[in-house]
């Protein structure tokens, strides 16, 4: 193997270290907040928020006039929150159910974002905007300031979850009981949506609007196979997300791209998503209590036990003789 391969594996390359730090911290934040999103049945809201944030990126570019990372994220944050508020408004003010409201927001806002992005690309300076990277992600272009921004977002999310862990647990498992205890359930619900939005927006440059929902949903869903304890689930979900981010980032750097491609490796966002999907499949099959292998083994053991009991009963009946039978 060449020297470049080992430089990447041993993290001697500064670009690889920067991208790895950013995607790893993003995975940790997404795995933690995604656990509450899945339990609260807000997982697809993250997908809608991601698509709703694209026009915010475009509007921020119109205002600033350049590809300023912080400004674009602030624009995405504003429109992401607007998308979440639109979902909540449609659900509470109309007869349309939440899944339909999510579809309306996802399609409407994303369509607007594509139109605005096309207008920007047709401008003389639009080819330098790089807004297409917010659709599918382009972690390889991440610089140190981007990683520090993601680190700040991850710190805010983890600190908030740590402080309000008990409240979020009550909100996910028994909202009515939390309200009866006087907990501000509406505020907690909105805060959870804000954390999902913040994590989604921070992940746009790395994995894009199409794939960020995978980091919110897949690790938490995989962690559900391993435990029924919320604390353990959050820890496992964060670990799975970090592992997927690390494996996906390294794989995208060491596996060569297709012939004729301008990139030297594979796209990072899809590689991270595929790594998370592999970890989900491994959890689904190999988890000791809820995995498919464990279920098949329990079913096999039960059938074998029933067969042994039936054979034992028949042997006892035969030993008693015809006169002892009823």
Protein backbone atom coordinates (compact mmCIF):
# COMPACT_ATOMS: atom_id res chain seq x y z
CA UNK A 1 0.00 0.00 0.00
CA UNK A 2 1.19 3.52 -0.77
CA UNK A 3 2.30 6.13 1.72
CA UNK A 4 -0.83 8.24 1.25
CA UNK A 5 -3.01 5.34 2.42
CA UNK A 6 -1.09 4.94 5.68
CA UNK A 7 -1.00 8.72 6.22
CA UNK A 8 -4.81 8.69 6.14
CA UNK A 9 -5.16 5.59 8.35
CA UNK A 10 -2.68 6.95 10.92
CA UNK A 11 -4.33 10.42 10.74
CA UNK A 12 -1.13 12.12 9.62
CA UNK A 13 -3.05 14.12 7.03
CA UNK A 14 -4.36 17.38 8.51
CA UNK A 15 -7.38 17.47 6.20
CA UNK A 16 -8.42 13.99 7.29
CA UNK A 17 -8.09 14.97 10.96
CA UNK A 18 -10.24 18.07 10.42
CA UNK A 19 -12.97 16.19 8.56
CA UNK A 20 -12.84 13.33 11.06
CA UNK A 21 -13.21 15.68 14.02
CA UNK A 22 -16.14 17.47 12.41
CA UNK A 23 -18.03 14.37 11.32
CA UNK A 24 -17.31 12.57 14.60
CA UNK A 25 -18.67 15.42 16.72
CA UNK A 26 -21.64 15.76 14.40
CA UNK A 27 -22.32 12.03 14.74
CA UNK A 28 -22.15 12.23 18.54
CA UNK A 29 -24.64 15.12 18.68
CA UNK A 30 -26.96 13.49 16.13
CA UNK A 31 -26.88 10.15 17.93
CA UNK A 32 -27.76 11.71 21.28
CA UNK A 33 -30.55 14.04 20.16
CA UNK A 34 -31.77 11.46 17.64
CA UNK A 35 -32.57 9.07 20.49
CA UNK A 36 -35.15 11.49 21.86
CA UNK A 37 -36.40 12.29 18.36
CA UNK A 38 -37.07 8.61 17.64
CA UNK A 39 -38.73 7.99 21.00
CA UNK A 40 -40.80 11.16 20.65
CA UNK A 41 -41.73 10.12 17.10
CA UNK A 42 -40.09 13.22 15.69
CA UNK A 43 -37.54 11.42 13.52
CA UNK A 44 -38.99 12.48 10.15
CA UNK A 45 -39.25 16.05 11.39
CA UNK A 46 -35.46 16.21 11.10
CA UNK A 47 -35.72 15.23 7.45
CA UNK A 48 -38.33 17.93 6.81
CA UNK A 49 -36.23 20.53 8.66
CA UNK A 50 -33.17 19.58 6.60
CA UNK A 51 -35.04 20.11 3.35
CA UNK A 52 -36.68 23.29 4.68
CA UNK A 53 -33.27 24.78 5.51
CA UNK A 54 -32.08 24.80 1.88
CA UNK A 55 -33.93 28.03 0.93
CA UNK A 56 -32.50 29.59 4.10
CA UNK A 57 -29.00 28.88 2.79
CA UNK A 58 -29.89 30.53 -0.51
CA UNK A 59 -31.49 33.58 1.13
CA UNK A 60 -28.42 34.01 3.36
CA UNK A 61 -26.21 33.91 0.27
CA UNK A 62 -28.35 36.60 -1.38
CA UNK A 63 -27.91 38.79 1.70
CA UNK A 64 -24.20 38.21 2.38
CA UNK A 65 -23.12 37.79 -1.24
CA UNK A 66 -20.50 35.13 -0.50
CA UNK A 67 -20.16 31.62 0.90
CA UNK A 68 -19.80 32.56 4.57
CA UNK A 69 -20.20 29.36 6.59
CA UNK A 70 -21.70 30.93 9.73
CA UNK A 71 -24.08 33.18 7.76
CA UNK A 72 -25.32 30.27 5.65
CA UNK A 73 -25.90 28.18 8.77
CA UNK A 74 -27.83 31.02 10.41
CA UNK A 75 -30.04 31.27 7.34
CA UNK A 76 -30.56 27.51 7.36
CA UNK A 77 -31.36 27.67 11.08
CA UNK A 78 -33.99 30.37 10.56
CA UNK A 79 -35.77 28.50 7.78
CA UNK A 80 -35.41 25.19 9.62
CA UNK A 81 -37.23 26.66 12.60
CA UNK A 82 -39.78 28.16 10.22
CA UNK A 83 -40.34 24.70 8.73
CA UNK A 84 -40.79 23.16 12.19
CA UNK A 85 -43.23 25.92 13.15
CA UNK A 86 -45.13 25.37 9.90
CA UNK A 87 -45.49 21.66 10.66
CA UNK A 88 -46.75 22.43 14.17
CA UNK A 89 -49.15 25.07 12.84
CA UNK A 90 -50.62 22.83 10.15
CA UNK A 91 -51.04 20.00 12.64
CA UNK A 92 -52.77 22.14 15.29
CA UNK A 93 -54.85 24.51 13.13
CA UNK A 94 -56.10 22.12 10.45
CA UNK A 95 -57.33 18.55 10.13
CA UNK A 96 -54.20 17.52 8.26
CA UNK A 97 -52.19 14.93 10.18
CA UNK A 98 -48.52 15.23 11.03
CA UNK A 99 -47.20 12.91 8.33
CA UNK A 100 -49.00 14.90 5.62
CA UNK A 101 -47.79 18.18 7.16
CA UNK A 102 -44.20 16.90 7.10
CA UNK A 103 -44.61 15.99 3.42
CA UNK A 104 -46.02 19.41 2.59
CA UNK A 105 -43.19 21.26 4.31
CA UNK A 106 -40.51 18.94 2.94
CA UNK A 107 -41.66 19.25 -0.67
CA UNK A 108 -42.64 22.92 -0.62
CA UNK A 109 -39.53 24.29 1.09
CA UNK A 110 -37.15 22.02 -0.82
CA UNK A 111 -38.72 23.05 -4.14
CA UNK A 112 -38.24 26.70 -3.19
CA UNK A 113 -34.62 25.97 -2.27
CA UNK A 114 -33.93 24.29 -5.62
CA UNK A 115 -35.41 27.28 -7.49
CA UNK A 116 -33.33 29.79 -5.49
CA UNK A 117 -30.20 27.65 -5.88
CA UNK A 118 -30.71 27.54 -9.65
CA UNK A 119 -31.04 31.35 -9.76
CA UNK A 120 -27.79 31.68 -7.78
CA UNK A 121 -25.92 29.28 -10.05
CA UNK A 122 -26.92 31.33 -13.10
CA UNK A 123 -25.34 34.45 -11.64
CA UNK A 124 -21.80 35.39 -12.62
CA UNK A 125 -20.47 34.61 -9.14
CA UNK A 126 -22.90 31.77 -8.47
CA UNK A 127 -20.51 29.06 -9.60
CA UNK A 128 -18.37 29.90 -6.59
CA UNK A 129 -21.21 29.66 -4.11
CA UNK A 130 -20.90 25.90 -3.71
CA UNK A 131 -24.51 25.64 -2.55
CA UNK A 132 -24.89 22.26 -4.27
CA UNK A 133 -22.74 20.83 -1.48
CA UNK A 134 -25.55 21.58 0.98
CA UNK A 135 -27.81 19.15 -0.91
CA UNK A 136 -25.59 16.06 -0.84
CA UNK A 137 -22.85 17.27 1.49
CA UNK A 138 -19.14 17.75 0.87
CA UNK A 139 -17.24 16.99 4.03
CA UNK A 140 -13.92 16.87 2.20
CA UNK A 141 -14.04 20.68 1.82
CA UNK A 142 -14.43 21.18 5.57
CA UNK A 143 -11.85 23.49 7.15
CA UNK A 144 -10.81 23.97 10.77
CA UNK A 145 -13.31 26.81 11.38
CA UNK A 146 -16.14 24.55 10.18
CA UNK A 147 -15.07 21.84 12.64
CA UNK A 148 -14.98 24.37 15.47
CA UNK A 149 -18.50 25.52 14.56
CA UNK A 150 -19.73 21.93 14.64
CA UNK A 151 -17.91 21.43 17.95
CA UNK A 152 -19.74 24.43 19.42
CA UNK A 153 -23.09 23.11 18.20
CA UNK A 154 -22.35 19.66 19.61
CA UNK A 155 -21.37 21.18 22.97
CA UNK A 156 -24.66 23.12 23.16
CA UNK A 157 -26.70 20.02 22.30
CA UNK A 158 -24.90 17.71 24.72
CA UNK A 159 -25.00 20.27 27.55
CA UNK A 160 -28.71 20.90 27.05
CA UNK A 161 -29.50 17.19 26.97
CA UNK A 162 -27.38 16.60 30.07
CA UNK A 163 -29.12 19.34 32.05
CA UNK A 164 -32.66 18.42 30.95
CA UNK A 165 -32.24 14.66 30.65
CA UNK A 166 -34.94 13.79 33.20
CA UNK A 167 -37.39 16.24 31.63
CA UNK A 168 -36.79 14.88 28.13
CA UNK A 169 -37.23 11.33 29.44
CA UNK A 170 -40.63 12.22 30.91
CA UNK A 171 -41.59 14.00 27.69
CA UNK A 172 -40.77 10.93 25.58
CA UNK A 173 -42.42 8.27 27.74
CA UNK A 174 -45.34 10.00 29.49
CA UNK A 175 -46.17 13.51 28.29
CA UNK A 176 -49.45 13.64 30.23
CA UNK A 177 -47.74 12.73 33.52
CA UNK A 178 -45.08 15.36 32.88
CA UNK A 179 -47.79 17.97 32.32
CA UNK A 180 -49.60 16.86 35.49
CA UNK A 181 -46.36 17.36 37.44
CA UNK A 182 -46.19 20.92 36.21
CA UNK A 183 -43.36 20.43 33.74
CA UNK A 184 -43.37 22.87 30.77
CA UNK A 185 -44.06 20.16 28.19
CA UNK A 186 -44.74 22.61 25.34
CA UNK A 187 -41.45 24.40 25.98
CA UNK A 188 -39.60 21.07 26.20
CA UNK A 189 -41.19 19.89 22.96
CA UNK A 190 -40.19 23.09 21.18
CA UNK A 191 -36.70 22.90 22.69
CA UNK A 192 -36.30 19.35 21.40
CA UNK A 193 -37.35 20.53 17.94
CA UNK A 194 -34.82 23.36 18.23
CA UNK A 195 -32.04 20.90 19.10
CA UNK A 196 -33.01 18.70 16.16
CA UNK A 197 -32.94 21.79 13.93
CA UNK A 198 -29.56 22.87 15.29
CA UNK A 199 -28.05 19.43 14.73
CA UNK A 200 -29.59 19.21 11.27
CA UNK A 201 -28.25 22.59 10.21
CA UNK A 202 -24.77 21.81 11.53
CA UNK A 203 -24.72 18.61 9.50
CA UNK A 204 -25.65 20.18 6.16
CA UNK A 205 -22.07 20.84 4.97
CA UNK A 206 -20.97 17.32 5.90
CA UNK A 207 -23.79 15.04 4.73
CA UNK A 208 -26.30 17.43 3.13
CA UNK A 209 -30.05 17.81 3.40
CA UNK A 210 -30.69 14.41 1.83
CA UNK A 211 -28.67 12.32 4.28
CA UNK A 212 -28.70 14.21 7.61
CA UNK A 213 -31.91 12.45 8.66
CA UNK A 214 -30.02 9.15 8.46
CA UNK A 215 -27.64 10.26 11.22
CA UNK A 216 -30.59 11.23 13.40
CA UNK A 217 -32.63 8.06 12.84
CA UNK A 218 -30.33 5.10 12.10
CA UNK A 219 -28.03 5.14 15.21
CA UNK A 220 -30.97 5.61 17.60
CA UNK A 221 -32.96 2.86 15.88
CA UNK A 222 -29.96 0.54 16.07
CA UNK A 223 -29.46 1.32 19.76
CA UNK A 224 -33.05 0.25 20.49
CA UNK A 225 -32.09 -3.34 19.70
CA UNK A 226 -29.46 -3.42 22.46
CA UNK A 227 -31.25 -2.03 25.51
CA UNK A 228 -34.48 -0.84 27.08
CA UNK A 229 -32.74 1.69 29.34
CA UNK A 230 -32.84 5.25 27.99
CA UNK A 231 -29.46 6.26 29.41
CA UNK A 232 -27.77 3.24 27.88
CA UNK A 233 -29.64 3.78 24.63
CA UNK A 234 -28.40 7.37 24.36
CA UNK A 235 -24.81 6.25 25.00
CA UNK A 236 -25.02 3.41 22.47
CA UNK A 237 -26.67 5.64 19.88
CA UNK A 238 -23.92 8.24 20.25
CA UNK A 239 -21.23 5.55 20.01
CA UNK A 240 -22.80 4.02 16.87
CA UNK A 241 -23.07 7.45 15.23
CA UNK A 242 -19.44 8.30 16.03
CA UNK A 243 -18.28 4.91 14.75
CA UNK A 244 -20.28 5.34 11.54
CA UNK A 245 -18.81 8.82 11.06
CA UNK A 246 -15.25 7.60 11.63
CA UNK A 247 -15.57 4.52 9.42
CA UNK A 248 -17.40 6.42 6.68
CA UNK A 249 -14.91 9.28 6.67
CA UNK A 250 -11.87 7.00 6.50
CA UNK A 251 -13.50 4.78 3.86
CA UNK A 252 -14.30 7.80 1.69
CA UNK A 253 -10.67 8.89 1.91
CA UNK A 254 -8.93 5.56 1.23
CA UNK A 255 -11.28 4.02 -1.37
CA UNK A 256 -10.51 5.50 -4.80
CA UNK A 257 -13.30 7.16 -6.73
CA UNK A 258 -14.57 5.95 -10.11
CA UNK A 259 -12.32 6.41 -13.16
CA UNK A 260 -12.55 9.91 -14.59
CA UNK A 261 -13.92 11.38 -11.37
CA UNK A 262 -12.61 14.77 -10.27
CA UNK A 263 -12.55 13.59 -6.65
CA UNK A 264 -9.80 11.29 -5.42
CA UNK A 265 -12.18 9.34 -3.18
CA UNK A 266 -15.82 8.55 -2.56
CA UNK A 267 -18.29 11.15 -1.18
CA UNK A 268 -18.11 11.26 2.60
CA UNK A 269 -21.81 11.73 3.40
CA UNK A 270 -23.04 8.61 1.59
CA UNK A 271 -20.16 6.58 3.04
CA UNK A 272 -21.14 7.64 6.57
CA UNK A 273 -24.77 6.75 5.88
CA UNK A 274 -23.79 3.33 4.49
CA UNK A 275 -21.61 2.68 7.54
CA UNK A 276 -24.53 3.56 9.81
CA UNK A 277 -26.80 1.25 7.80
CA UNK A 278 -24.32 -1.64 8.18
CA UNK A 279 -24.18 -1.06 11.95
CA UNK A 280 -27.99 -1.02 12.03
CA UNK A 281 -28.16 -4.36 10.20
CA UNK A 282 -25.56 -5.83 12.56
CA UNK A 283 -27.62 -4.66 15.55
CA UNK A 284 -30.83 -5.99 14.04
CA UNK A 285 -29.32 -9.45 13.58
CA UNK A 286 -26.85 -9.76 16.48
CA UNK A 287 -28.40 -7.89 19.44
CA UNK A 288 -28.57 -10.39 22.33
CA UNK A 289 -32.19 -9.81 23.37
CA UNK A 290 -34.02 -8.20 20.43
CA UNK A 291 -31.94 -9.33 17.47
CA UNK A 292 -33.22 -11.66 14.77
CA UNK A 293 -30.66 -14.34 15.62
CA UNK A 294 -31.68 -14.25 19.29
CA UNK A 295 -35.38 -14.45 18.35
CA UNK A 296 -34.76 -17.43 16.06
CA UNK A 297 -32.73 -19.16 18.76
CA UNK A 298 -35.44 -18.56 21.36
CA UNK A 299 -38.07 -19.92 18.98
CA UNK A 300 -35.92 -22.96 18.22
CA UNK A 301 -35.27 -23.56 21.94
CA UNK A 302 -38.99 -23.25 22.72
CA UNK A 303 -39.95 -25.71 20.02
CA UNK A 304 -37.25 -28.12 21.16
CA UNK A 305 -38.44 -27.85 24.76
CA UNK A 306 -42.04 -28.46 23.71
CA UNK A 307 -40.94 -31.48 21.66
CA UNK A 308 -39.01 -32.89 24.64
CA UNK A 309 -41.98 -32.34 26.94
CA UNK A 310 -44.26 -34.06 24.45
CA UNK A 311 -41.87 -37.00 24.11
CA UNK A 312 -41.53 -37.23 27.89
CA UNK A 313 -45.30 -37.20 28.33
CA UNK A 314 -45.69 -39.95 25.76
CA UNK A 315 -42.99 -42.03 27.45
CA UNK A 316 -44.69 -41.66 30.84
CA UNK A 317 -48.05 -42.62 29.37
CA UNK A 318 -46.53 -45.70 27.76
CA UNK A 319 -44.84 -46.68 31.03
CA UNK A 320 -48.12 -46.60 32.93
CA UNK A 321 -49.69 -49.14 30.65
CA UNK A 322 -53.19 -49.19 29.12
CA UNK A 323 -54.91 -49.67 32.47
CA UNK A 324 -53.49 -46.37 33.85
CA UNK A 325 -54.72 -44.29 30.98
CA UNK A 326 -58.03 -42.41 31.35
